[in-house]
Structure formats: structure tokens, C-alpha cells
Amino acid sequence: MIKIKNKIIIDNNRNKRGYTLIELSIVILVISLLMAGVFSMATGSINNSKVALTNKKMKEIYKSMGTFLMVNKRLPCPASLARSKIDDADYGKEERDDANNNCGTTGVYTSSVAGFSNLIIGAVPIKSLNLDSDFAEDGYENKINYGEKNLMHSLIENFLRKQCEIK
């Protein structure tokens, strides 16, 4: 209370009460905990959908590989990892050296490790498998790698020839 010339004036500011720093801190903490929970649930849901999309694409690639094997009597060679999806007409085309009946080496990794010298790693050959260009990438938009051993070509071809001769 303040006295001015024998008049008593009640100071209303003393009766008004604001939030203390502790109360504000608690409110901010609760809000941030709620936001963290929502964010982690959303991130988990997005991650699960990307994994499911990748699994769906892998199943379709697997089926297409089986069809390619039955039709061509061989597995497809890997496609080049260096080709661009945007501006290259040969994106997703298998790198194959038809003259030598082997997989090519342009844009693919050829292993030099003992025991794995015939291993060739590249991208999934979506054009050869008659798949859409979306199948070249997983749910996270990374190229799906595909490895093949030149040795497997000759083993499978010999096996299929023998199967056809028996019938």
C-alpha cells in the first residue's frame, strides 16, 4: 500500500502474479518430451515403410531373375554403377561381353581377392529384367547392388543344358 496525501491507494501490481522460471521450465520440459515421443514414433513409422518397400522390390527382382534364368538359361550380368538414372539410356542394362559370353567390366567392380576373382558386383540390371527404373533403388533411394560370379554362368548353363537333354 502506498499513502498519498492521506489517501490509501491499493497497489494492484502486488496482487498480480506471473509464472516463475521453475514453472516455465517444467512446461517446456513436458512439451519437449511429448514432441520427442511423437517424433520418434513418426521416424519409426517412416523407417518401417521404407523397409517394407525395399522388401517388396527385392521380391519382385527375385521373381524377375527367375524368369530371366528360365528364358535365357543364364543369370543376368550386373549393370553399371556409374550410369545415371536421369540422362543415360543404358541405365540398368546389363554389362555383358557377348563375344566372350561373359559379364563386362565397365562400371562394375571386379574382385581381385583370392577365391573370389570371378565375382562381379554392379547394379541390378532392371532393363534386362523388364523392371521399371524405380526397382534399381531401395526404399532409401540407394542403388541396389547385385553380384554375380562368371563361374555361375557356366555352371547354370551346363545344368540347364543337361536338364533339356534329359527331357
Foldseek 3Di string as FASTA:
>chain_A
DDDDPNDDDDDCVVVDDDDDPVVVVVVVVVVVVVVVVVVVVVVVVLVVVLVVQQVVLVVLLVVLQVVLCVVVLFGFAADAQPDDPPPDPQVLAFQADVVVRFGHDPRWDQDPDPPRRQKIKHFHSCVSSVHDPVSQAGSVRDGDMDIDGRVRGVVSNVVVVVVVVVD
